[in-house]
PDB file of N, CA and C in Angstrom:
ATOM      1  N   MET A   1       4.513   2.902  14.710  1.00  0.00           N
ATOM      2  CA  MET A   1       4.268   3.142  13.059  1.00  0.00           C
ATOM      3  C   MET A   1       3.394   3.849  12.720  1.00  0.00           C
ATOM      4  N   PRO A   2       3.248   5.174  12.617  1.00  0.00           N
ATOM      5  CA  PRO A   2       1.815   5.863  12.328  1.00  0.00           C
ATOM      6  C   PRO A   2       1.938   5.486  10.910  1.00  0.00           C
ATOM      7  N   MET A   3       0.304   5.266  10.497  1.00  0.00           N
ATOM      8  CA  MET A   3      -0.159   5.241   9.516  1.00  0.00           C
ATOM      9  C   MET A   3      -1.466   6.073   9.251  1.00  0.00           C
ATOM     10  N   ASN A   4      -1.289   6.550   7.776  1.00  0.00           N
ATOM     11  CA  ASN A   4      -2.277   7.410   7.120  1.00  0.00           C
ATOM     12  C   ASN A   4      -3.303   6.694   5.924  1.00  0.00           C
ATOM     13  N   ALA A   5      -4.419   6.771   6.371  1.00  0.00           N
ATOM     14  CA  ALA A   5      -5.667   6.052   5.452  1.00  0.00           C
ATOM     15  C   ALA A   5      -6.359   7.062   4.817  1.00  0.00           C
ATOM     16  N   SER A   6      -6.543   7.109   3.699  1.00  0.00           N
ATOM     17  CA  SER A   6      -7.339   8.106   2.657  1.00  0.00           C
ATOM     18  C   SER A   6      -8.433   7.385   1.805  1.00  0.00           C
ATOM     19  N   PHE A   7      -9.061   7.431   1.639  1.00  0.00           N
ATOM     20  CA  PHE A   7      -9.893   6.857   0.072  1.00  0.00           C
ATOM     21  C   PHE A   7     -10.458   8.056  -0.646  1.00  0.00           C
ATOM     22  N   VAL A   8     -10.176   8.023  -1.808  1.00  0.00           N
ATOM     23  CA  VAL A   8     -10.602   8.903  -2.928  1.00  0.00           C
ATOM     24  C   VAL A   8     -11.779   8.367  -3.448  1.00  0.00           C
ATOM     25  N   PRO A   9     -13.143   8.581  -3.376  1.00  0.00           N
ATOM     26  CA  PRO A   9     -14.041   8.012  -3.622  1.00  0.00           C
ATOM     27  C   PRO A   9     -14.459   8.001  -5.417  1.00  0.00           C
ATOM     28  N   GLU A  10     -13.472   9.428  -6.039  1.00  0.00           N
ATOM     29  CA  GLU A  10     -13.868   9.819  -7.593  1.00  0.00           C
ATOM     30  C   GLU A  10     -13.232   8.721  -8.431  1.00  0.00           C
ATOM     31  N   GLU A  11     -11.954   8.037  -7.539  1.00  0.00           N
ATOM     32  CA  GLU A  11     -10.839   7.636  -8.137  1.00  0.00           C
ATOM     33  C   GLU A  11     -10.795   5.705  -7.264  1.00  0.00           C
ATOM     34  N   ASN A  12     -11.976   5.783  -6.647  1.00  0.00           N
ATOM     35  CA  ASN A  12     -11.843   4.438  -5.998  1.00  0.00           C
ATOM     36  C   ASN A  12     -10.132   3.735  -5.546  1.00  0.00           C
ATOM     37  N   LEU A  13      -9.803   4.754  -4.542  1.00  0.00           N
ATOM     38  CA  LEU A  13      -8.641   4.884  -4.765  1.00  0.00           C
ATOM     39  C   LEU A  13      -8.235   4.362  -2.798  1.00  0.00           C
ATOM     40  N   LEU A  14      -7.683   4.044  -2.608  1.00  0.00           N
ATOM     41  CA  LEU A  14      -6.938   3.825  -1.116  1.00  0.00           C
ATOM     42  C   LEU A  14      -5.847   4.070  -0.948  1.00  0.00           C
ATOM     43  N   ASP A  15      -5.177   5.256  -0.556  1.00  0.00           N
ATOM     44  CA  ASP A  15      -3.844   5.614  -0.390  1.00  0.00           C
ATOM     45  C   ASP A  15      -3.580   5.634   0.968  1.00  0.00           C
ATOM     46  N   LEU A  16      -2.762   4.447   1.450  1.00  0.00           N
ATOM     47  CA  LEU A  16      -1.390   4.278   2.554  1.00  0.00           C
ATOM     48  C   LEU A  16      -0.635   4.642   2.801  1.00  0.00           C
ATOM     49  N   SER A  17      -0.546   5.770   3.607  1.00  0.00           N
ATOM     50  CA  SER A  17       1.195   6.141   3.726  1.00  0.00           C
ATOM     51  C   SER A  17       1.837   5.725   5.552  1.00  0.00           C
ATOM     52  N   PHE A  18       3.305   5.246   4.957  1.00  0.00           N
ATOM     53  CA  PHE A  18       3.629   4.532   6.652  1.00  0.00           C
ATOM     54  C   PHE A  18       4.739   5.373   6.646  1.00  0.00           C
ATOM     55  N   ARG A  19       5.051   5.301   8.245  1.00  0.00           N
ATOM     56  CA  ARG A  19       5.773   5.912   8.656  1.00  0.00           C
ATOM     57  C   ARG A  19       6.618   5.584   9.396  1.00  0.00           C
ATOM     58  N   GLY A  20       7.988   5.529   9.767  1.00  0.00           N
ATOM     59  CA  GLY A  20       9.122   5.108  11.083  1.00  0.00           C
ATOM     60  C   GLY A  20       9.076   3.796  10.697  1.00  0.00           C
ATOM     61  N   ASN A  21       8.698   2.746  11.489  1.00  0.00           N
ATOM     62  CA  ASN A  21       9.053   1.040  11.554  1.00  0.00           C
ATOM     63  C   ASN A  21       8.321   0.501  10.432  1.00  0.00           C
ATOM     64  N   LEU A  22       8.465  -0.484  10.175  1.00  0.00           N
ATOM     65  CA  LEU A  22       7.176  -1.147   9.477  1.00  0.00           C
ATOM     66  C   LEU A  22       7.191  -2.249  10.537  1.00  0.00           C
ATOM     67  N   ASP A  23       6.267  -2.584  11.200  1.00  0.00           N
ATOM     68  CA  ASP A  23       5.824  -3.387  12.123  1.00  0.00           C
ATOM     69  C   ASP A  23       4.836  -4.292  12.100  1.00  0.00           C
ATOM     70  N   LEU A  24       4.425  -4.840  13.193  1.00  0.00           N
ATOM     71  CA  LEU A  24       3.067  -5.107  13.596  1.00  0.00           C
ATOM     72  C   LEU A  24       2.237  -3.795  14.623  1.00  0.00           C
ATOM     73  N   THR A  25       2.761  -2.984  14.830  1.00  0.00           N
ATOM     74  CA  THR A  25       1.952  -1.708  15.117  1.00  0.00           C
ATOM     75  C   THR A  25       0.837  -1.600  14.617  1.00  0.00           C
ATOM     76  N   VAL A  26       0.610  -1.489  13.633  1.00  0.00           N
ATOM     77  CA  VAL A  26      -0.672  -0.872  12.790  1.00  0.00           C
ATOM     78  C   VAL A  26      -1.582  -1.549  12.081  1.00  0.00           C
ATOM     79  N   THR A  27      -1.599  -3.094  12.807  1.00  0.00           N
ATOM     80  CA  THR A  27      -2.435  -4.484  12.576  1.00  0.00           C
ATOM     81  C   THR A  27      -3.469  -4.478  12.709  1.00  0.00           C
ATOM     82  N   ASN A  28      -4.074  -3.714  13.690  1.00  0.00           N
ATOM     83  CA  ASN A  28      -5.606  -3.430  13.724  1.00  0.00           C
ATOM     84  C   ASN A  28      -6.133  -2.616  12.520  1.00  0.00           C
ATOM     85  N   ALA A  29      -5.214  -1.584  12.452  1.00  0.00           N
ATOM     86  CA  ALA A  29      -6.161  -0.346  11.236  1.00  0.00           C
ATOM     87  C   ALA A  29      -5.594  -0.958   9.979  1.00  0.00           C
ATOM     88  N   VAL A  30      -5.073  -1.718   9.903  1.00  0.00           N
ATOM     89  CA  VAL A  30      -4.718  -2.500   8.726  1.00  0.00           C
ATOM     90  C   VAL A  30      -6.001  -3.425   8.055  1.00  0.00           C
ATOM     91  N   CYS A  31      -6.200  -4.495   8.843  1.00  0.00           N
ATOM     92  CA  CYS A  31      -6.823  -5.501   8.729  1.00  0.00           C
ATOM     93  C   CYS A  31      -8.633  -5.078   8.697  1.00  0.00           C
ATOM     94  N   GLY A  32      -9.026  -3.676   9.252  1.00  0.00           N
ATOM     95  CA  GLY A  32      -9.996  -3.239   9.003  1.00  0.00           C
ATOM     96  C   GLY A  32     -10.246  -2.634   7.452  1.00  0.00           C
ATOM     97  N   ILE A  33      -9.405  -2.191   7.123  1.00  0.00           N
ATOM     98  CA  ILE A  33      -9.553  -1.712   5.895  1.00  0.00           C
ATOM     99  C   ILE A  33      -9.919  -2.246   4.853  1.00  0.00           C
ATOM    100  N   VAL A  34     -10.059  -3.069   4.370  1.00  0.00           N
ATOM    101  CA  VAL A  34      -9.989  -3.881   2.980  1.00  0.00           C
ATOM    102  C   VAL A  34     -11.517  -4.316   2.558  1.00  0.00           C
ATOM    103  N   PRO A  35     -12.274  -5.003   3.928  1.00  0.00           N
ATOM    104  CA  PRO A  35     -14.132  -5.206   4.490  1.00  0.00           C
ATOM    105  C   PRO A  35     -14.917  -4.266   4.425  1.00  0.00           C
ATOM    106  N   GLN A  36     -13.766  -2.673   4.929  1.00  0.00           N
ATOM    107  CA  GLN A  36     -15.384  -1.489   4.177  1.00  0.00           C
ATOM    108  C   GLN A  36     -15.181  -0.920   3.450  1.00  0.00           C
ATOM    109  N   LEU A  37     -14.212  -1.637   2.440  1.00  0.00           N
ATOM    110  CA  LEU A  37     -14.055  -0.865   1.288  1.00  0.00           C
ATOM    111  C   LEU A  37     -14.009  -1.719   0.161  1.00  0.00           C
ATOM    112  N   GLN A  38     -14.007  -2.960  -0.114  1.00  0.00           N
ATOM    113  CA  GLN A  38     -13.778  -3.959  -1.042  1.00  0.00           C
ATOM    114  C   GLN A  38     -15.084  -3.778  -2.166  1.00  0.00           C
ATOM    115  N   ASP A  39     -16.220  -3.302  -2.173  1.00  0.00           N
ATOM    116  CA  ASP A  39     -16.648  -3.018  -3.107  1.00  0.00           C
ATOM    117  C   ASP A  39     -16.673  -1.902  -4.066  1.00  0.00           C
ATOM    118  N   ARG A  40     -16.126  -0.864  -3.555  1.00  0.00           N
ATOM    119  CA  ARG A  40     -15.638   0.004  -4.262  1.00  0.00           C
ATOM    120  C   ARG A  40     -14.062   0.351  -4.396  1.00  0.00           C
ATOM    121  N   LEU A  41     -13.023  -0.480  -4.160  1.00  0.00           N
ATOM    122  CA  LEU A  41     -11.538  -0.486  -4.081  1.00  0.00           C
ATOM    123  C   LEU A  41     -11.222  -0.963  -5.564  1.00  0.00           C
ATOM    124  N   LYS A  42     -10.580  -0.302  -6.419  1.00  0.00           N
ATOM    125  CA  LYS A  42      -9.758  -0.687  -7.916  1.00  0.00           C
ATOM    126  C   LYS A  42      -8.322  -0.464  -7.250  1.00  0.00           C
ATOM    127  N   THR A  43      -7.543   0.382  -6.785  1.00  0.00           N
ATOM    128  CA  THR A  43      -6.585   0.231  -7.257  1.00  0.00           C
ATOM    129  C   THR A  43      -6.008   1.072  -5.102  1.00  0.00           C
ATOM    130  N   CYS A  44      -4.937   0.552  -4.680  1.00  0.00           N
ATOM    131  CA  CYS A  44      -4.295   0.769  -3.173  1.00  0.00           C
ATOM    132  C   CYS A  44      -2.866   1.740  -3.631  1.00  0.00           C
ATOM    133  N   ILE A  45      -2.382   2.639  -3.644  1.00  0.00           N
ATOM    134  CA  ILE A  45      -1.093   2.877  -3.075  1.00  0.00           C
ATOM    135  C   ILE A  45      -0.916   3.058  -1.619  1.00  0.00           C
ATOM    136  N   MET A  46       0.092   1.970  -1.800  1.00  0.00           N
ATOM    137  CA  MET A  46       1.131   1.798  -0.502  1.00  0.00           C
ATOM    138  C   MET A  46       1.937   2.768  -0.600  1.00  0.00           C
ATOM    139  N   ASP A  47       2.206   3.528   0.085  1.00  0.00           N
ATOM    140  CA  ASP A  47       3.690   4.546   0.262  1.00  0.00           C
ATOM    141  C   ASP A  47       4.767   4.149   1.309  1.00  0.00           C
ATOM    142  N   LEU A  48       5.590   4.151   1.045  1.00  0.00           N
ATOM    143  CA  LEU A  48       6.376   3.292   2.093  1.00  0.00           C
ATOM    144  C   LEU A  48       7.717   3.987   1.746  1.00  0.00           C
ATOM    145  N   THR A  49       7.739   5.087   1.501  1.00  0.00           N
ATOM    146  CA  THR A  49       8.651   6.517   1.052  1.00  0.00           C
ATOM    147  C   THR A  49       9.504   6.536   2.427  1.00  0.00           C
ATOM    148  N   GLN A  50       8.544   7.049   3.679  1.00  0.00           N
ATOM    149  CA  GLN A  50       9.193   7.731   4.751  1.00  0.00           C
ATOM    150  C   GLN A  50       9.056   6.246   5.710  1.00  0.00           C
ATOM    151  N   VAL A  51       9.531   5.050   5.323  1.00  0.00           N
ATOM    152  CA  VAL A  51       9.921   4.200   6.468  1.00  0.00           C
ATOM    153  C   VAL A  51      10.992   4.116   6.867  1.00  0.00           C
ATOM    154  N   ASP A  52      11.599   3.802   8.064  1.00  0.00           N
ATOM    155  CA  ASP A  52      12.871   4.174   8.533  1.00  0.00           C
ATOM    156  C   ASP A  52      14.062   2.284   8.591  1.00  0.00           C
ATOM    157  N   ARG A  53      13.173   1.904   9.202  1.00  0.00           N
ATOM    158  CA  ARG A  53      13.130   0.390   9.297  1.00  0.00           C
ATOM    159  C   ARG A  53      12.088  -0.593   9.174  1.00  0.00           C
ATOM    160  N   VAL A  54      12.768  -1.849   8.653  1.00  0.00           N
ATOM    161  CA  VAL A  54      11.495  -2.647   7.733  1.00  0.00           C
ATOM    162  C   VAL A  54      11.985  -3.898   8.951  1.00  0.00           C
ATOM    163  N   PHE A  55      11.290  -4.464   9.234  1.00  0.00           N
ATOM    164  CA  PHE A  55      11.490  -5.874   9.707  1.00  0.00           C
ATOM    165  C   PHE A  55      10.028  -7.517   9.466  1.00  0.00           C
ATOM    166  N   ASP A  56      10.714  -8.281   9.098  1.00  0.00           N
ATOM    167  CA  ASP A  56      10.012  -8.945   8.936  1.00  0.00           C
ATOM    168  C   ASP A  56       8.321  -9.107   9.176  1.00  0.00           C
ATOM    169  N   SER A  57       7.713  -9.124  10.596  1.00  0.00           N
ATOM    170  CA  SER A  57       6.474  -8.897  11.061  1.00  0.00           C
ATOM    171  C   SER A  57       6.083  -7.587   9.908  1.00  0.00           C
ATOM    172  N   GLY A  58       6.820  -6.663   9.551  1.00  0.00           N
ATOM    173  CA  GLY A  58       5.876  -5.645   8.378  1.00  0.00           C
ATOM    174  C   GLY A  58       5.757  -5.921   6.959  1.00  0.00           C
ATOM    175  N   ILE A  59       6.420  -6.754   6.815  1.00  0.00           N
ATOM    176  CA  ILE A  59       6.653  -7.601   5.699  1.00  0.00           C
ATOM    177  C   ILE A  59       5.707  -8.628   5.061  1.00  0.00           C
ATOM    178  N   ALA A  60       5.226  -9.074   6.303  1.00  0.00           N
ATOM    179  CA  ALA A  60       4.730 -10.075   6.573  1.00  0.00           C
ATOM    180  C   ALA A  60       2.568  -8.896   6.757  1.00  0.00           C
ATOM    181  N   LEU A  61       2.402  -8.257   7.109  1.00  0.00           N
ATOM    182  CA  LEU A  61       1.235  -7.642   7.330  1.00  0.00           C
ATOM    183  C   LEU A  61       1.006  -7.094   5.897  1.00  0.00           C
ATOM    184  N   LEU A  62       2.473  -6.400   5.248  1.00  0.00           N
ATOM    185  CA  LEU A  62       1.942  -5.710   4.181  1.00  0.00           C
ATOM    186  C   LEU A  62       1.574  -6.829   2.557  1.00  0.00           C
ATOM    187  N   ARG A  63       2.177  -8.139   3.107  1.00  0.00           N
ATOM    188  CA  ARG A  63       1.944  -9.514   2.317  1.00  0.00           C
ATOM    189  C   ARG A  63       0.254  -9.679   2.413  1.00  0.00           C
ATOM    190  N   MET A  64       0.015  -9.763   3.033  1.00  0.00           N
ATOM    191  CA  MET A  64      -1.706  -9.936   3.698  1.00  0.00           C
ATOM    192  C   MET A  64      -2.056  -8.755   3.300  1.00  0.00           C
ATOM    193  N   LEU A  65      -2.083  -8.277   3.970  1.00  0.00           N
ATOM    194  CA  LEU A  65      -3.278  -6.823   3.017  1.00  0.00           C
ATOM    195  C   LEU A  65      -3.086  -7.163   1.740  1.00  0.00           C
ATOM    196  N   SER A  66      -1.729  -6.766   1.036  1.00  0.00           N
ATOM    197  CA  SER A  66      -1.860  -7.142  -0.456  1.00  0.00           C
ATOM    198  C   SER A  66      -2.573  -8.344  -0.953  1.00  0.00           C
ATOM    199  N   GLY A  67      -2.657  -9.325  -0.212  1.00  0.00           N
ATOM    200  CA  GLY A  67      -3.662 -10.382  -0.613  1.00  0.00           C
ATOM    201  C   GLY A  67      -4.687 -10.427  -0.977  1.00  0.00           C
ATOM    202  N   ASP A  68      -5.224  -9.408   0.429  1.00  0.00           N
ATOM    203  CA  ASP A  68      -6.885  -9.328   0.607  1.00  0.00           C
ATOM    204  C   ASP A  68      -7.274  -8.334  -0.322  1.00  0.00           C
ATOM    205  N   LEU A  69      -5.970  -7.268  -0.953  1.00  0.00           N
ATOM    206  CA  LEU A  69      -6.263  -6.282  -2.213  1.00  0.00           C
ATOM    207  C   LEU A  69      -6.704  -7.105  -3.203  1.00  0.00           C
ATOM    208  N   HIS A  70      -5.771  -8.102  -3.168  1.00  0.00           N
ATOM    209  CA  HIS A  70      -5.538  -8.563  -4.657  1.00  0.00           C
ATOM    210  C   HIS A  70      -6.818  -9.630  -4.965  1.00  0.00           C
ATOM    211  N   ARG A  71      -7.322 -10.408  -4.237  1.00  0.00           N
ATOM    212  CA  ARG A  71      -8.534 -10.992  -3.807  1.00  0.00           C
ATOM    213  C   ARG A  71      -9.952 -10.025  -4.043  1.00  0.00           C
ATOM    214  N   VAL A  72     -10.108  -8.820  -4.139  1.00  0.00           N
ATOM    215  CA  VAL A  72     -11.387  -7.599  -4.279  1.00  0.00           C
ATOM    216  C   VAL A  72     -10.886  -7.414  -5.833  1.00  0.00           C
ATOM    217  N   GLY A  73      -9.523  -7.553  -6.604  1.00  0.00           N
ATOM    218  CA  GLY A  73      -9.863  -7.172  -7.452  1.00  0.00           C
ATOM    219  C   GLY A  73      -9.059  -6.153  -7.832  1.00  0.00           C
ATOM    220  N   ALA A  74      -8.007  -5.659  -6.764  1.00  0.00           N
ATOM    221  CA  ALA A  74      -7.683  -4.196  -6.666  1.00  0.00           C
ATOM    222  C   ALA A  74      -5.865  -4.121  -6.896  1.00  0.00           C
ATOM    223  N   THR A  75      -5.373  -3.032  -8.097  1.00  0.00           N
ATOM    224  CA  THR A  75      -4.321  -3.171  -8.053  1.00  0.00           C
ATOM    225  C   THR A  75      -3.741  -2.434  -6.717  1.00  0.00           C
ATOM    226  N   VAL A  76      -2.717  -2.972  -6.759  1.00  0.00           N
ATOM    227  CA  VAL A  76      -1.505  -2.242  -5.839  1.00  0.00           C
ATOM    228  C   VAL A  76      -0.113  -2.132  -6.300  1.00  0.00           C
ATOM    229  N   VAL A  77       0.192  -0.819  -5.724  1.00  0.00           N
ATOM    230  CA  VAL A  77       1.388  -0.125  -6.357  1.00  0.00           C
ATOM    231  C   VAL A  77       1.906  -0.052  -5.054  1.00  0.00           C
ATOM    232  N   VAL A  78       3.232  -0.472  -4.841  1.00  0.00           N
ATOM    233  CA  VAL A  78       3.814   0.240  -3.334  1.00  0.00           C
ATOM    234  C   VAL A  78       5.479   1.378  -3.874  1.00  0.00           C
ATOM    235  N   LEU A  79       4.871   2.365  -2.913  1.00  0.00           N
ATOM    236  CA  LEU A  79       6.297   3.154  -3.147  1.00  0.00           C
ATOM    237  C   LEU A  79       7.147   3.392  -2.620  1.00  0.00           C
ATOM    238  N   GLY A  80       8.416   3.169  -2.948  1.00  0.00           N
ATOM    239  CA  GLY A  80       9.386   3.420  -1.976  1.00  0.00           C
ATOM    240  C   GLY A  80      10.409   2.711  -2.655  1.00  0.00           C
ATOM    241  N   ASP A  81      11.587   2.640  -1.637  1.00  0.00           N
ATOM    242  CA  ASP A  81      13.121   1.845  -2.111  1.00  0.00           C
ATOM    243  C   ASP A  81      13.795   1.345  -1.137  1.00  0.00           C
ATOM    244  N   HIS A  82      12.925   0.836  -0.424  1.00  0.00           N
ATOM    245  CA  HIS A  82      13.946   0.192   0.475  1.00  0.00           C
ATOM    246  C   HIS A  82      14.028  -1.554   0.455  1.00  0.00           C
ATOM    247  N   PRO A  83      15.632  -1.620   0.288  1.00  0.00           N
ATOM    248  CA  PRO A  83      15.681  -2.793  -0.226  1.00  0.00           C
ATOM    249  C   PRO A  83      14.847  -4.275   0.268  1.00  0.00           C
ATOM    250  N   GLU A  84      14.798  -3.968   1.471  1.00  0.00           N
ATOM    251  CA  GLU A  84      14.292  -5.248   1.996  1.00  0.00           C
ATOM    252  C   GLU A  84      12.646  -5.378   1.107  1.00  0.00           C
ATOM    253  N   VAL A  85      11.976  -4.198   1.181  1.00  0.00           N
ATOM    254  CA  VAL A  85      10.405  -4.292   0.893  1.00  0.00           C
ATOM    255  C   VAL A  85      10.733  -4.304  -1.029  1.00  0.00           C
ATOM    256  N   CYS A  86      11.835  -4.128  -1.890  1.00  0.00           N
ATOM    257  CA  CYS A  86      11.757  -4.183  -2.818  1.00  0.00           C
ATOM    258  C   CYS A  86      12.557  -5.877  -3.083  1.00  0.00           C
ATOM    259  N   SER A  87      13.117  -6.389  -1.798  1.00  0.00           N
ATOM    260  CA  SER A  87      13.895  -7.771  -2.869  1.00  0.00           C
ATOM    261  C   SER A  87      12.186  -8.421  -2.236  1.00  0.00           C
ATOM    262  N   ARG A  88      11.203  -8.428  -1.611  1.00  0.00           N
ATOM    263  CA  ARG A  88      10.287  -9.162  -1.008  1.00  0.00           C
ATOM    264  C   ARG A  88       9.110  -9.453  -1.619  1.00  0.00           C
ATOM    265  N   MET A  89       8.779  -8.120  -2.087  1.00  0.00           N
ATOM    266  CA  MET A  89       7.282  -7.805  -2.088  1.00  0.00           C
ATOM    267  C   MET A  89       7.096  -7.106  -3.844  1.00  0.00           C
ATOM    268  N   PRO A  90       6.701  -7.687  -4.866  1.00  0.00           N
ATOM    269  CA  PRO A  90       6.031  -7.015  -6.042  1.00  0.00           C
ATOM    270  C   PRO A  90       6.129  -5.413  -6.010  1.00  0.00           C
ATOM    271  N   LEU A  91       6.263  -4.627  -6.919  1.00  0.00           N
ATOM    272  CA  LEU A  91       6.440  -2.926  -6.389  1.00  0.00           C
ATOM    273  C   LEU A  91       4.597  -2.791  -7.679  1.00  0.00           C
ATOM    274  N   ILE A  92       4.278  -3.409  -8.167  1.00  0.00           N
ATOM    275  CA  ILE A  92       2.852  -3.729  -8.525  1.00  0.00           C
ATOM    276  C   ILE A  92       2.421  -4.841  -8.867  1.00  0.00           C
ATOM    277  N   GLN A  93       1.456  -5.018  -7.966  1.00  0.00           N
ATOM    278  CA  GLN A  93       0.206  -6.110  -8.637  1.00  0.00           C
ATOM    279  C   GLN A  93      -1.032  -5.698  -8.945  1.00  0.00           C
ATOM    280  N   GLY A  94      -1.215  -6.709 -10.333  1.00  0.00           N
ATOM    281  CA  GLY A  94      -2.580  -6.518 -10.486  1.00  0.00           C
ATOM    282  C   GLY A  94      -2.381  -5.595 -11.568  1.00  0.00           C
ATOM    283  N   ASP A  95      -3.321  -4.917 -12.101  1.00  0.00           N
ATOM    284  CA  ASP A  95      -3.844  -4.495 -13.487  1.00  0.00           C
ATOM    285  C   ASP A  95      -2.965  -2.998 -12.938  1.00  0.00           C
ATOM    286  N   ALA A  96      -1.790  -2.399 -13.378  1.00  0.00           N
ATOM    287  CA  ALA A  96      -1.228  -1.319 -13.080  1.00  0.00           C
ATOM    288  C   ALA A  96      -1.941   0.359 -13.983  1.00  0.00           C
ATOM    289  N   SER A  97      -3.580  -0.090 -14.808  1.00  0.00           N
ATOM    290  CA  SER A  97      -3.650   0.688 -15.706  1.00  0.00           C
ATOM    291  C   SER A  97      -4.799   2.072 -14.683  1.00  0.00           C
ATOM    292  N   TYR A  98      -4.318   1.919 -13.541  1.00  0.00           N
ATOM    293  CA  TYR A  98      -5.963   2.481 -13.352  1.00  0.00           C
ATOM    294  C   TYR A  98      -5.364   3.709 -12.040  1.00  0.00           C
ATOM    295  N   PRO A  99      -4.043   3.374 -11.327  1.00  0.00           N
ATOM    296  CA  PRO A  99      -2.971   4.378 -10.070  1.00  0.00           C
ATOM    297  C   PRO A  99      -3.661   5.977 -11.118  1.00  0.00           C
ATOM    298  N   SER A 100      -3.738   6.976  -9.911  1.00  0.00           N
ATOM    299  CA  SER A 100      -4.388   8.071 -10.219  1.00  0.00           C
ATOM    300  C   SER A 100      -2.936   8.890 -10.763  1.00  0.00           C
ATOM    301  N   ARG A 101      -3.115  10.213 -10.960  1.00  0.00           N
ATOM    302  CA  ARG A 101      -2.348  11.028 -11.699  1.00  0.00           C
ATOM    303  C   ARG A 101      -1.419  11.187 -10.519  1.00  0.00           C
ATOM    304  N   ARG A 102      -2.020  11.780  -9.730  1.00  0.00           N
ATOM    305  CA  ARG A 102      -1.020  12.425  -8.498  1.00  0.00           C
ATOM    306  C   ARG A 102       0.425  11.006  -7.966  1.00  0.00           C
ATOM    307  N   HIS A 103      -0.124  10.378  -8.007  1.00  0.00           N
ATOM    308  CA  HIS A 103       0.998   8.917  -7.351  1.00  0.00           C
ATOM    309  C   HIS A 103       0.983   8.565  -8.579  1.00  0.00           C
ATOM    310  N   LEU A 104       1.001   8.748  -9.906  1.00  0.00           N
ATOM    311  CA  LEU A 104       2.117   8.450 -10.779  1.00  0.00           C
ATOM    312  C   LEU A 104       3.367   9.424 -10.707  1.00  0.00           C
ATOM    313  N   ALA A 105       2.896  10.523 -10.623  1.00  0.00           N
ATOM    314  CA  ALA A 105       3.469  11.773 -10.589  1.00  0.00           C
ATOM    315  C   ALA A 105       4.775  11.894  -9.349  1.00  0.00           C
ATOM    316  N   ALA A 106       4.240  10.797  -8.156  1.00  0.00           N
ATOM    317  CA  ALA A 106       4.885  10.660  -7.251  1.00  0.00           C
ATOM    318  C   ALA A 106       6.359  10.030  -7.210  1.00  0.00           C
ATOM    319  N   ALA A 107       5.608   9.019  -8.378  1.00  0.00           N
ATOM    320  CA  ALA A 107       6.297   7.724  -8.410  1.00  0.00           C
ATOM    321  C   ALA A 107       7.384   7.813  -9.398  1.00  0.00           C
ATOM    322  N   ALA A 108       6.992   9.119 -10.322  1.00  0.00           N
ATOM    323  CA  ALA A 108       8.057   9.218 -11.261  1.00  0.00           C
ATOM    324  C   ALA A 108       9.181  10.462 -10.321  1.00  0.00           C
ATOM    325  N   ALA A 109       8.729  10.997  -9.511  1.00  0.00           N
ATOM    326  CA  ALA A 109       9.737  11.931  -8.744  1.00  0.00           C
ATOM    327  C   ALA A 109      10.892  11.537  -7.999  1.00  0.00           C
ATOM    328  N   ALA A 110      10.030  10.151  -7.791  1.00  0.00           N
ATOM    329  CA  ALA A 110      11.042   9.355  -6.487  1.00  0.00           C
ATOM    330  C   ALA A 110      12.329   8.988  -7.755  1.00  0.00           C
ATOM    331  N   VAL A 111      12.365   8.507  -8.771  1.00  0.00           N
ATOM    332  CA  VAL A 111      13.302   7.602  -9.417  1.00  0.00           C
ATOM    333  C   VAL A 111      14.215   8.381  -9.798  1.00  0.00           C
TER     334      VAL A 111
END
């Protein structure tokens, strides 16, 4: 499963976009992100709108990542409407007052 990660320093925003199957294939990439940015992170957008299939291992990976982000004080916003993700993960965790304008527009367009 491919994952694209980008950090927007002006907004202290980490943008993670996942495609394909949500499973353990991105474990190494995901596990190294938070320690590198923990002092600067305020918001993380996890874009799951292009995920085809969701596996339990992928949900566990997202929960682990979300917990790491929450511990450093970052707000986590999950974009996507896959039923397995929606039923097992909160879509917004933390203080949702800081997501970027472009991600708010994307979230509104997805509804």
